[in-house]
């Protein structure tokens, strides 16, 4: 049985991880500078938030998921069985799947950029890393049936779209803010 779940557990985990990431920022600040340390800590926190909202059962601890109720493979139906609403935010789940990866994409670029040219060099790596994270989440949802989550290729497409938007925003912010000069 999966012992925890629900929105309250998600929110508690998100708040607790914010405190840990604040400590990470304080530990890195002297060595890397405030902006870069903050970008790294915020990037780690954004990944933690993604983990909590995608890998904690949404409706409480589901207990045992019977074998006949478990999916054998991911849904390849693009557009998928995503519901129209979501339990925290109004709007479609596909929109949330996209929006949740935007901060991670932007923060990766800001954390890794050491120059204007460097920002454009690291951007594809950040996008590939976030795409791999999305695939890993979906595979985890498939393998761990007790999470009572569904593996869906549409989620990966939406997540990667959000990461790409975030990387684009991060590139613009890097060019405007020029964080490499803040050390």
N, C-alpha and C. Protein backbone atom coordinates (compact mmCIF):
# COMPACT_ATOMS: atom_id res chain seq x y z
N UNK A 1 0.84 -1.18 0.00
CA UNK A 1 0.00 0.00 0.00
C UNK A 1 0.89 1.24 0.00
N UNK A 2 0.51 2.25 -0.79
CA UNK A 2 1.21 3.52 -0.79
C UNK A 2 0.64 4.34 0.36
N UNK A 3 1.46 4.68 1.35
CA UNK A 3 0.92 5.21 2.61
C UNK A 3 0.48 6.67 2.61
N UNK A 4 0.84 7.44 1.61
CA UNK A 4 0.50 8.87 1.64
C UNK A 4 -0.14 9.28 0.33
N UNK A 5 -0.79 10.42 0.37
CA UNK A 5 -1.36 10.96 -0.85
C UNK A 5 -2.29 12.11 -0.56
N UNK A 6 -2.75 12.72 -1.60
CA UNK A 6 -3.68 13.83 -1.50
C UNK A 6 -3.00 15.18 -1.68
N UNK A 7 -3.82 16.18 -1.91
CA UNK A 7 -3.34 17.54 -2.16
C UNK A 7 -2.59 18.09 -0.96
N UNK A 8 -3.07 17.79 0.24
CA UNK A 8 -2.41 18.29 1.45
C UNK A 8 -0.97 17.80 1.56
N UNK A 9 -0.76 16.53 1.25
CA UNK A 9 0.59 15.96 1.29
C UNK A 9 1.47 16.63 0.23
N UNK A 10 0.90 16.85 -0.95
CA UNK A 10 1.65 17.54 -2.00
C UNK A 10 2.08 18.93 -1.54
N UNK A 11 1.14 19.68 -1.01
CA UNK A 11 1.45 21.05 -0.58
C UNK A 11 2.44 21.07 0.58
N UNK A 12 2.32 20.15 1.51
CA UNK A 12 3.27 20.07 2.62
C UNK A 12 4.67 19.77 2.09
N UNK A 13 4.78 18.83 1.17
CA UNK A 13 6.07 18.50 0.57
C UNK A 13 6.67 19.67 -0.19
N UNK A 14 5.84 20.40 -0.88
CA UNK A 14 6.30 21.56 -1.64
C UNK A 14 6.85 22.64 -0.71
N UNK A 15 6.14 22.89 0.38
CA UNK A 15 6.60 23.90 1.35
C UNK A 15 7.89 23.45 2.03
N UNK A 16 7.96 22.18 2.44
CA UNK A 16 9.17 21.66 3.08
C UNK A 16 10.36 21.71 2.13
N UNK A 17 10.15 21.38 0.88
CA UNK A 17 11.25 21.42 -0.08
C UNK A 17 11.69 22.86 -0.36
N UNK A 18 10.77 23.82 -0.26
CA UNK A 18 11.15 25.22 -0.42
C UNK A 18 12.12 25.64 0.68
N UNK A 19 11.87 25.17 1.90
CA UNK A 19 12.77 25.48 3.01
C UNK A 19 14.16 24.88 2.78
N UNK A 20 14.20 23.66 2.29
CA UNK A 20 15.49 23.00 2.00
C UNK A 20 16.21 23.75 0.88
N UNK A 21 15.49 24.16 -0.14
CA UNK A 21 16.11 24.88 -1.25
C UNK A 21 16.57 26.28 -0.84
N UNK A 22 15.91 26.88 0.12
CA UNK A 22 16.38 28.15 0.67
C UNK A 22 17.73 27.94 1.35
N UNK A 23 17.87 26.85 2.08
CA UNK A 23 19.16 26.52 2.70
C UNK A 23 20.23 26.27 1.63
N UNK A 24 19.85 25.63 0.54
CA UNK A 24 20.78 25.41 -0.56
C UNK A 24 21.25 26.74 -1.13
N UNK A 25 20.32 27.67 -1.31
CA UNK A 25 20.67 29.00 -1.80
C UNK A 25 21.67 29.67 -0.87
N UNK A 26 21.41 29.62 0.43
CA UNK A 26 22.31 30.25 1.39
C UNK A 26 23.69 29.59 1.37
N UNK A 27 23.74 28.28 1.18
CA UNK A 27 25.02 27.58 1.14
C UNK A 27 25.82 27.93 -0.12
N UNK A 28 25.16 28.17 -1.23
CA UNK A 28 25.85 28.45 -2.50
C UNK A 28 26.11 29.92 -2.75
N UNK A 29 25.45 30.79 -2.02
CA UNK A 29 25.48 32.22 -2.31
C UNK A 29 26.88 32.82 -2.29
N UNK A 30 27.65 32.52 -1.29
CA UNK A 30 28.99 33.11 -1.18
C UNK A 30 29.90 32.62 -2.31
N UNK A 31 29.77 31.37 -2.65
CA UNK A 31 30.66 30.78 -3.66
C UNK A 31 30.26 31.16 -5.09
N UNK A 32 28.97 31.21 -5.38
CA UNK A 32 28.51 31.43 -6.76
C UNK A 32 27.89 32.79 -7.01
N UNK A 33 27.63 33.54 -5.97
CA UNK A 33 26.91 34.80 -6.13
C UNK A 33 25.42 34.57 -5.92
N UNK A 34 24.74 35.61 -5.51
CA UNK A 34 23.34 35.50 -5.15
C UNK A 34 22.43 35.09 -6.28
N UNK A 35 22.64 35.66 -7.47
CA UNK A 35 21.74 35.38 -8.58
C UNK A 35 21.86 33.93 -9.03
N UNK A 36 23.08 33.47 -9.23
CA UNK A 36 23.28 32.10 -9.71
C UNK A 36 22.85 31.09 -8.65
N UNK A 37 23.20 31.35 -7.39
CA UNK A 37 22.79 30.44 -6.32
C UNK A 37 21.28 30.39 -6.21
N UNK A 38 20.63 31.54 -6.34
CA UNK A 38 19.17 31.57 -6.30
C UNK A 38 18.55 30.84 -7.48
N UNK A 39 19.15 30.98 -8.65
CA UNK A 39 18.65 30.28 -9.84
C UNK A 39 18.78 28.77 -9.68
N UNK A 40 19.91 28.33 -9.15
CA UNK A 40 20.11 26.89 -8.94
C UNK A 40 19.12 26.36 -7.91
N UNK A 41 18.98 27.06 -6.79
CA UNK A 41 18.06 26.61 -5.74
C UNK A 41 16.62 26.61 -6.26
N UNK A 42 16.25 27.63 -7.01
CA UNK A 42 14.89 27.70 -7.56
C UNK A 42 14.66 26.60 -8.59
N UNK A 43 15.69 26.27 -9.39
CA UNK A 43 15.58 25.18 -10.36
C UNK A 43 15.36 23.85 -9.64
N UNK A 44 16.14 23.59 -8.61
CA UNK A 44 15.97 22.36 -7.84
C UNK A 44 14.57 22.31 -7.24
N UNK A 45 14.10 23.45 -6.72
CA UNK A 45 12.76 23.48 -6.13
C UNK A 45 11.69 23.23 -7.18
N UNK A 46 11.87 23.80 -8.38
CA UNK A 46 10.87 23.59 -9.43
C UNK A 46 10.79 22.10 -9.81
N UNK A 47 11.94 21.42 -9.84
CA UNK A 47 11.91 19.98 -10.11
C UNK A 47 11.23 19.22 -8.99
N UNK A 48 11.45 19.66 -7.76
CA UNK A 48 10.81 19.01 -6.61
C UNK A 48 9.30 19.19 -6.66
N UNK A 49 8.86 20.37 -7.02
CA UNK A 49 7.42 20.62 -7.17
C UNK A 49 6.83 19.70 -8.23
N UNK A 50 7.51 19.58 -9.36
CA UNK A 50 7.04 18.69 -10.42
C UNK A 50 6.93 17.26 -9.88
N UNK A 51 7.94 16.83 -9.14
CA UNK A 51 7.91 15.48 -8.55
C UNK A 51 6.73 15.28 -7.63
N UNK A 52 6.48 16.25 -6.77
CA UNK A 52 5.36 16.11 -5.83
C UNK A 52 4.01 16.07 -6.53
N UNK A 53 3.81 16.92 -7.54
CA UNK A 53 2.48 16.95 -8.16
C UNK A 53 2.26 15.83 -9.16
N UNK A 54 3.34 15.15 -9.57
CA UNK A 54 3.17 14.06 -10.53
C UNK A 54 3.34 12.67 -9.94
N UNK A 55 3.98 12.57 -8.77
CA UNK A 55 4.27 11.25 -8.23
C UNK A 55 3.61 10.96 -6.89
N UNK A 56 2.85 11.89 -6.37
CA UNK A 56 2.06 11.65 -5.16
C UNK A 56 0.62 11.39 -5.61
N UNK A 57 -0.01 10.35 -5.11
CA UNK A 57 -1.40 10.09 -5.50
C UNK A 57 -2.29 11.31 -5.25
N UNK A 58 -3.07 11.67 -6.24
CA UNK A 58 -3.86 12.89 -6.18
C UNK A 58 -5.01 12.81 -5.18
N UNK A 59 -5.62 11.67 -5.04
CA UNK A 59 -6.83 11.55 -4.23
C UNK A 59 -6.60 10.73 -2.97
N UNK A 60 -5.52 10.97 -2.28
CA UNK A 60 -5.24 10.21 -1.07
C UNK A 60 -4.53 8.91 -1.40
N UNK A 61 -4.23 8.15 -0.38
CA UNK A 61 -3.52 6.89 -0.56
C UNK A 61 -4.46 5.86 -1.18
N UNK A 62 -4.16 5.40 -2.42
CA UNK A 62 -5.09 4.51 -3.10
C UNK A 62 -5.07 3.08 -2.58
N UNK A 63 -4.03 2.72 -1.82
CA UNK A 63 -3.95 1.33 -1.35
C UNK A 63 -3.48 0.42 -2.45
N UNK A 64 -4.15 -0.66 -2.65
CA UNK A 64 -3.73 -1.64 -3.65
C UNK A 64 -4.52 -1.41 -4.93
N UNK A 65 -3.80 -1.35 -6.04
CA UNK A 65 -4.43 -1.26 -7.35
C UNK A 65 -4.44 -2.68 -7.91
N UNK A 66 -5.60 -3.26 -8.14
CA UNK A 66 -5.66 -4.63 -8.64
C UNK A 66 -4.94 -4.79 -9.98
N UNK A 67 -4.38 -5.97 -10.21
CA UNK A 67 -3.63 -6.23 -11.44
C UNK A 67 -4.47 -5.95 -12.67
N UNK A 68 -5.74 -6.27 -12.63
CA UNK A 68 -6.57 -6.04 -13.81
C UNK A 68 -6.86 -4.55 -14.03
N UNK A 69 -6.65 -3.73 -13.02
CA UNK A 69 -6.85 -2.30 -13.15
C UNK A 69 -5.58 -1.55 -13.53
N UNK A 70 -4.47 -2.26 -13.59
CA UNK A 70 -3.17 -1.66 -13.88
C UNK A 70 -2.94 -1.65 -15.39
N UNK A 71 -2.40 -0.55 -15.88
CA UNK A 71 -2.09 -0.45 -17.29
C UNK A 71 -0.81 -1.23 -17.60
N UNK A 72 -0.77 -1.89 -18.75
CA UNK A 72 0.42 -2.63 -19.16
C UNK A 72 1.39 -1.77 -19.94
N UNK A 73 0.90 -0.67 -20.51
CA UNK A 73 1.76 0.20 -21.30
C UNK A 73 1.23 1.63 -21.22
N UNK A 74 2.03 2.54 -21.71
CA UNK A 74 1.61 3.93 -21.74
C UNK A 74 0.55 4.15 -22.82
N UNK A 75 -0.30 5.12 -22.59
CA UNK A 75 -1.27 5.49 -23.60
C UNK A 75 -0.56 6.27 -24.70
N UNK A 76 -0.71 5.83 -25.93
CA UNK A 76 -0.11 6.50 -27.08
C UNK A 76 -1.15 7.33 -27.82
N UNK A 77 -2.30 7.52 -27.21
CA UNK A 77 -3.38 8.30 -27.80
C UNK A 77 -3.06 9.78 -27.58
N UNK A 78 -2.48 10.44 -28.59
CA UNK A 78 -2.11 11.84 -28.44
C UNK A 78 -3.38 12.66 -28.21
N UNK A 79 -3.37 13.41 -27.17
CA UNK A 79 -4.57 14.12 -26.74
C UNK A 79 -5.13 13.43 -25.53
N UNK A 80 -4.86 12.14 -25.43
CA UNK A 80 -5.08 11.28 -24.28
C UNK A 80 -6.38 11.44 -23.54
N UNK A 81 -6.45 10.71 -22.45
CA UNK A 81 -7.65 10.73 -21.63
C UNK A 81 -7.62 11.83 -20.57
N UNK A 82 -6.89 12.91 -20.80
CA UNK A 82 -6.75 13.96 -19.81
C UNK A 82 -8.11 14.60 -19.51
N UNK A 83 -8.44 14.72 -18.23
CA UNK A 83 -9.71 15.36 -17.87
C UNK A 83 -9.67 16.85 -18.16
N UNK A 84 -10.82 17.45 -18.25
CA UNK A 84 -10.90 18.88 -18.54
C UNK A 84 -10.50 19.74 -17.36
N UNK A 85 -10.74 19.29 -16.16
CA UNK A 85 -10.42 20.08 -14.99
C UNK A 85 -9.30 19.45 -14.19
N UNK A 86 -8.83 20.16 -13.20
CA UNK A 86 -7.76 19.66 -12.34
C UNK A 86 -8.15 20.01 -10.92
N UNK A 87 -7.70 19.25 -9.96
CA UNK A 87 -8.21 19.42 -8.61
C UNK A 87 -7.74 20.67 -7.89
N UNK A 88 -6.70 21.33 -8.37
CA UNK A 88 -6.25 22.56 -7.72
C UNK A 88 -6.56 23.78 -8.58
N UNK A 89 -6.21 23.71 -9.85
CA UNK A 89 -6.38 24.84 -10.75
C UNK A 89 -7.51 24.55 -11.73
N UNK A 90 -8.20 25.61 -12.12
CA UNK A 90 -9.21 25.41 -13.15
C UNK A 90 -8.50 25.33 -14.50
N UNK A 91 -9.19 24.85 -15.48
CA UNK A 91 -8.58 24.69 -16.79
C UNK A 91 -8.19 23.24 -17.01
N UNK A 92 -7.65 22.97 -18.16
CA UNK A 92 -7.33 21.61 -18.52
C UNK A 92 -6.03 21.11 -17.92
N UNK A 93 -5.96 19.80 -17.77
CA UNK A 93 -4.75 19.17 -17.25
C UNK A 93 -3.61 19.35 -18.24
N UNK A 94 -3.90 19.38 -19.52
CA UNK A 94 -2.85 19.58 -20.51
C UNK A 94 -2.19 20.94 -20.33
N UNK A 95 -2.97 21.96 -20.03
CA UNK A 95 -2.39 23.28 -19.77
C UNK A 95 -1.49 23.23 -18.55
N UNK A 96 -1.94 22.58 -17.50
CA UNK A 96 -1.12 22.46 -16.29
C UNK A 96 0.16 21.70 -16.59
N UNK A 97 0.08 20.61 -17.36
CA UNK A 97 1.27 19.84 -17.71
C UNK A 97 2.28 20.70 -18.47
N UNK A 98 1.80 21.63 -19.25
CA UNK A 98 2.69 22.53 -19.98
C UNK A 98 3.26 23.58 -19.05
N UNK A 99 2.40 24.24 -18.30
CA UNK A 99 2.82 25.36 -17.45
C UNK A 99 3.80 24.93 -16.36
N UNK A 100 3.64 23.74 -15.83
CA UNK A 100 4.47 23.32 -14.70
C UNK A 100 5.95 23.17 -15.08
N UNK A 101 6.25 22.96 -16.37
CA UNK A 101 7.63 22.81 -16.80
C UNK A 101 8.27 24.13 -17.26
N UNK A 102 7.49 25.19 -17.42
CA UNK A 102 8.03 26.47 -17.88
C UNK A 102 9.08 27.03 -16.91
N UNK A 103 8.80 27.12 -15.62
CA UNK A 103 9.83 27.66 -14.71
C UNK A 103 11.14 26.86 -14.74
N UNK A 104 11.04 25.55 -14.81
CA UNK A 104 12.25 24.73 -14.83
C UNK A 104 13.11 25.04 -16.05
N UNK A 105 12.49 25.21 -17.19
CA UNK A 105 13.24 25.54 -18.40
C UNK A 105 13.94 26.89 -18.29
N UNK A 106 13.22 27.89 -17.80
CA UNK A 106 13.82 29.22 -17.64
C UNK A 106 14.92 29.22 -16.60
N UNK A 107 14.68 28.58 -15.48
CA UNK A 107 15.66 28.57 -14.39
C UNK A 107 16.92 27.78 -14.76
N UNK A 108 16.76 26.72 -15.55
CA UNK A 108 17.95 25.98 -15.98
C UNK A 108 18.88 26.90 -16.76
N UNK A 109 18.34 27.64 -17.70
CA UNK A 109 19.16 28.54 -18.51
C UNK A 109 19.81 29.60 -17.63
N UNK A 110 19.06 30.21 -16.73
CA UNK A 110 19.62 31.24 -15.86
C UNK A 110 20.69 30.69 -14.93
N UNK A 111 20.49 29.47 -14.45
CA UNK A 111 21.46 28.87 -13.53
C UNK A 111 22.75 28.48 -14.25
N UNK A 112 22.65 28.06 -15.50
CA UNK A 112 23.82 27.53 -16.21
C UNK A 112 24.51 28.55 -17.10
N UNK A 113 23.88 29.66 -17.41
CA UNK A 113 24.46 30.64 -18.34
C UNK A 113 25.64 31.37 -17.69
N UNK A 114 26.78 31.29 -18.35
CA UNK A 114 27.97 32.02 -17.90
C UNK A 114 28.32 33.16 -18.85
N UNK A 115 27.62 33.21 -19.99
CA UNK A 115 27.79 34.27 -20.97
C UNK A 115 26.58 34.22 -21.91
N UNK A 116 26.45 35.22 -22.75
CA UNK A 116 25.33 35.21 -23.70
C UNK A 116 25.45 34.00 -24.63
N UNK A 117 26.63 33.76 -25.12
CA UNK A 117 26.84 32.62 -26.00
C UNK A 117 26.63 31.31 -25.24
N UNK A 118 27.11 31.27 -24.00
CA UNK A 118 26.94 30.08 -23.17
C UNK A 118 25.49 29.74 -22.91
N UNK A 119 24.64 30.76 -22.80
CA UNK A 119 23.22 30.52 -22.58
C UNK A 119 22.63 29.72 -23.74
N UNK A 120 23.04 30.06 -24.95
CA UNK A 120 22.53 29.35 -26.13
C UNK A 120 23.13 27.96 -26.26
N UNK A 121 24.33 27.78 -25.71
CA UNK A 121 24.96 26.46 -25.74
C UNK A 121 24.30 25.50 -24.75
N UNK A 122 23.97 25.98 -23.54
CA UNK A 122 23.40 25.10 -22.52
C UNK A 122 21.91 24.86 -22.71
N UNK A 123 21.23 25.72 -23.45
CA UNK A 123 19.78 25.59 -23.61
C UNK A 123 19.34 24.22 -24.13
N UNK A 124 19.97 23.66 -25.16
CA UNK A 124 19.53 22.34 -25.62
C UNK A 124 19.73 21.24 -24.58
N UNK A 125 20.79 21.37 -23.77
CA UNK A 125 21.02 20.39 -22.71
C UNK A 125 19.92 20.45 -21.65
N UNK A 126 19.50 21.67 -21.32
CA UNK A 126 18.42 21.82 -20.37
C UNK A 126 17.12 21.24 -20.89
N UNK A 127 16.84 21.47 -22.16
CA UNK A 127 15.63 20.93 -22.76
C UNK A 127 15.68 19.40 -22.78
N UNK A 128 16.83 18.84 -23.14
CA UNK A 128 16.98 17.37 -23.16
C UNK A 128 16.84 16.80 -21.75
N UNK A 129 17.42 17.47 -20.76
CA UNK A 129 17.32 17.00 -19.38
C UNK A 129 15.87 17.01 -18.91
N UNK A 130 15.15 18.08 -19.19
CA UNK A 130 13.76 18.17 -18.75
C UNK A 130 12.88 17.18 -19.52
N UNK A 131 13.18 16.92 -20.77
CA UNK A 131 12.44 15.89 -21.53
C UNK A 131 12.69 14.52 -20.90
N UNK A 132 13.93 14.25 -20.51
CA UNK A 132 14.24 12.98 -19.84
C UNK A 132 13.52 12.87 -18.49
N UNK A 133 13.43 13.98 -17.78
CA UNK A 133 12.68 13.97 -16.51
C UNK A 133 11.22 13.62 -16.76
N UNK A 134 10.63 14.19 -17.80
CA UNK A 134 9.23 13.91 -18.11
C UNK A 134 9.03 12.44 -18.46
N UNK A 135 9.92 11.89 -19.28
CA UNK A 135 9.82 10.47 -19.63
C UNK A 135 9.98 9.62 -18.37
N UNK A 136 10.92 9.99 -17.51
CA UNK A 136 11.12 9.25 -16.26
C UNK A 136 9.89 9.27 -15.36
N UNK A 137 9.23 10.41 -15.30
CA UNK A 137 8.00 10.52 -14.50
C UNK A 137 6.93 9.58 -15.06
N UNK A 138 6.75 9.61 -16.36
CA UNK A 138 5.71 8.77 -16.97
C UNK A 138 6.02 7.28 -16.79
N UNK A 139 7.28 6.89 -16.92
CA UNK A 139 7.65 5.49 -16.71
C UNK A 139 7.46 5.08 -15.24
N UNK A 140 7.76 5.99 -14.33
CA UNK A 140 7.52 5.71 -12.91
C UNK A 140 6.04 5.52 -12.66
N UNK A 141 5.21 6.36 -13.26
CA UNK A 141 3.76 6.22 -13.11
C UNK A 141 3.28 4.89 -13.67
N UNK A 142 3.91 4.41 -14.73
CA UNK A 142 3.52 3.13 -15.32
C UNK A 142 3.93 1.97 -14.41
N UNK A 143 5.16 2.00 -13.93
CA UNK A 143 5.70 0.89 -13.15
C UNK A 143 5.09 0.82 -11.74
N UNK A 144 4.87 1.97 -11.13
CA UNK A 144 4.33 1.99 -9.77
C UNK A 144 2.82 2.21 -9.80
N UNK A 145 2.11 1.14 -10.05
CA UNK A 145 0.65 1.23 -10.16
C UNK A 145 0.01 1.78 -8.90
N UNK A 146 0.66 1.60 -7.76
CA UNK A 146 0.09 2.09 -6.50
C UNK A 146 -0.01 3.60 -6.43
N UNK A 147 0.67 4.30 -7.32
CA UNK A 147 0.53 5.75 -7.37
C UNK A 147 -0.84 6.15 -7.91
N UNK A 148 -1.52 5.20 -8.56
CA UNK A 148 -2.82 5.44 -9.16
C UNK A 148 -2.76 6.60 -10.16
N UNK A 149 -1.70 6.60 -10.96
CA UNK A 149 -1.50 7.59 -12.01
C UNK A 149 -1.41 6.87 -13.34
N UNK A 150 -1.63 7.57 -14.43
CA UNK A 150 -1.61 6.97 -15.76
C UNK A 150 -0.42 7.49 -16.55
N UNK A 151 0.26 6.59 -17.23
CA UNK A 151 1.35 6.93 -18.13
C UNK A 151 0.74 7.33 -19.47
N UNK A 152 1.11 8.52 -19.96
CA UNK A 152 0.48 9.02 -21.17
C UNK A 152 1.50 9.82 -21.98
N UNK A 153 1.67 9.51 -23.25
CA UNK A 153 2.61 10.21 -24.11
C UNK A 153 2.22 11.67 -24.28
N UNK A 154 0.96 11.99 -24.15
CA UNK A 154 0.50 13.38 -24.25
C UNK A 154 1.14 14.22 -23.16
N UNK A 155 1.28 13.64 -21.96
CA UNK A 155 1.93 14.37 -20.87
C UNK A 155 3.36 14.73 -21.23
N UNK A 156 4.08 13.81 -21.85
CA UNK A 156 5.47 14.08 -22.25
C UNK A 156 5.50 15.21 -23.27
N UNK A 157 4.61 15.16 -24.24
CA UNK A 157 4.56 16.21 -25.27
C UNK A 157 4.28 17.57 -24.62
N UNK A 158 3.30 17.61 -23.72
CA UNK A 158 2.95 18.86 -23.05
C UNK A 158 4.10 19.35 -22.16
N UNK A 159 4.74 18.43 -21.44
CA UNK A 159 5.86 18.80 -20.57
C UNK A 159 7.02 19.38 -21.37
N UNK A 160 7.36 18.73 -22.47
CA UNK A 160 8.47 19.20 -23.31
C UNK A 160 8.13 20.55 -23.94
N UNK A 161 6.88 20.73 -24.33
CA UNK A 161 6.46 22.04 -24.85
C UNK A 161 6.66 23.11 -23.79
N UNK A 162 6.24 22.83 -22.56
CA UNK A 162 6.43 23.79 -21.47
C UNK A 162 7.90 24.06 -21.20
N UNK A 163 8.73 23.02 -21.24
CA UNK A 163 10.17 23.19 -21.03
C UNK A 163 10.76 24.05 -22.14
N UNK A 164 10.32 23.83 -23.38
CA UNK A 164 10.83 24.62 -24.51
C UNK A 164 10.43 26.09 -24.37
N UNK A 165 9.21 26.34 -23.96
CA UNK A 165 8.77 27.72 -23.72
C UNK A 165 9.63 28.34 -22.61
N UNK A 166 9.84 27.57 -21.55
CA UNK A 166 10.67 28.06 -20.44
C UNK A 166 12.09 28.35 -20.86
N UNK A 167 12.68 27.47 -21.66
CA UNK A 167 14.04 27.70 -22.15
C UNK A 167 14.08 28.99 -22.98
N UNK A 168 13.07 29.20 -23.81
CA UNK A 168 13.00 30.44 -24.58
C UNK A 168 12.92 31.67 -23.69
N UNK A 169 12.09 31.58 -22.67
CA UNK A 169 11.98 32.69 -21.70
C UNK A 169 13.31 32.89 -20.99
N UNK A 170 13.95 31.77 -20.60
CA UNK A 170 15.24 31.85 -19.93
C UNK A 170 16.30 32.51 -20.80
N UNK A 171 16.31 32.22 -22.10
CA UNK A 171 17.26 32.85 -23.00
C UNK A 171 17.04 34.36 -23.08
N UNK A 172 15.78 34.76 -23.18
CA UNK A 172 15.47 36.20 -23.21
C UNK A 172 15.88 36.85 -21.90
N UNK A 173 15.55 36.23 -20.78
CA UNK A 173 15.93 36.78 -19.48
C UNK A 173 17.45 36.85 -19.32
N UNK A 174 18.15 35.83 -19.80
CA UNK A 174 19.61 35.83 -19.69
C UNK A 174 20.21 37.00 -20.49
N UNK A 175 19.65 37.25 -21.66
CA UNK A 175 20.16 38.36 -22.47
C UNK A 175 19.83 39.71 -21.85
N UNK A 176 18.69 39.81 -21.20
CA UNK A 176 18.28 41.07 -20.58
C UNK A 176 18.99 41.28 -19.24
N UNK A 177 18.99 40.25 -18.39
CA UNK A 177 19.54 40.39 -17.03
C UNK A 177 21.06 40.23 -16.98
N UNK A 178 21.63 39.49 -17.93
CA UNK A 178 23.06 39.22 -17.99
C UNK A 178 23.61 38.77 -16.63
N UNK A 179 23.14 37.63 -16.15
CA UNK A 179 23.51 37.18 -14.80
C UNK A 179 25.00 36.90 -14.61
N UNK A 180 25.74 36.68 -15.68
CA UNK A 180 27.17 36.42 -15.57
C UNK A 180 27.93 37.65 -15.09
N UNK A 181 27.33 38.80 -15.13
CA UNK A 181 27.99 40.04 -14.66
C UNK A 181 27.65 40.35 -13.20
N UNK A 182 26.83 39.54 -12.59
CA UNK A 182 26.36 39.82 -11.23
C UNK A 182 27.26 39.24 -10.15
N UNK A 183 28.28 38.53 -10.51
CA UNK A 183 29.11 37.85 -9.50
C UNK A 183 29.93 38.86 -8.75
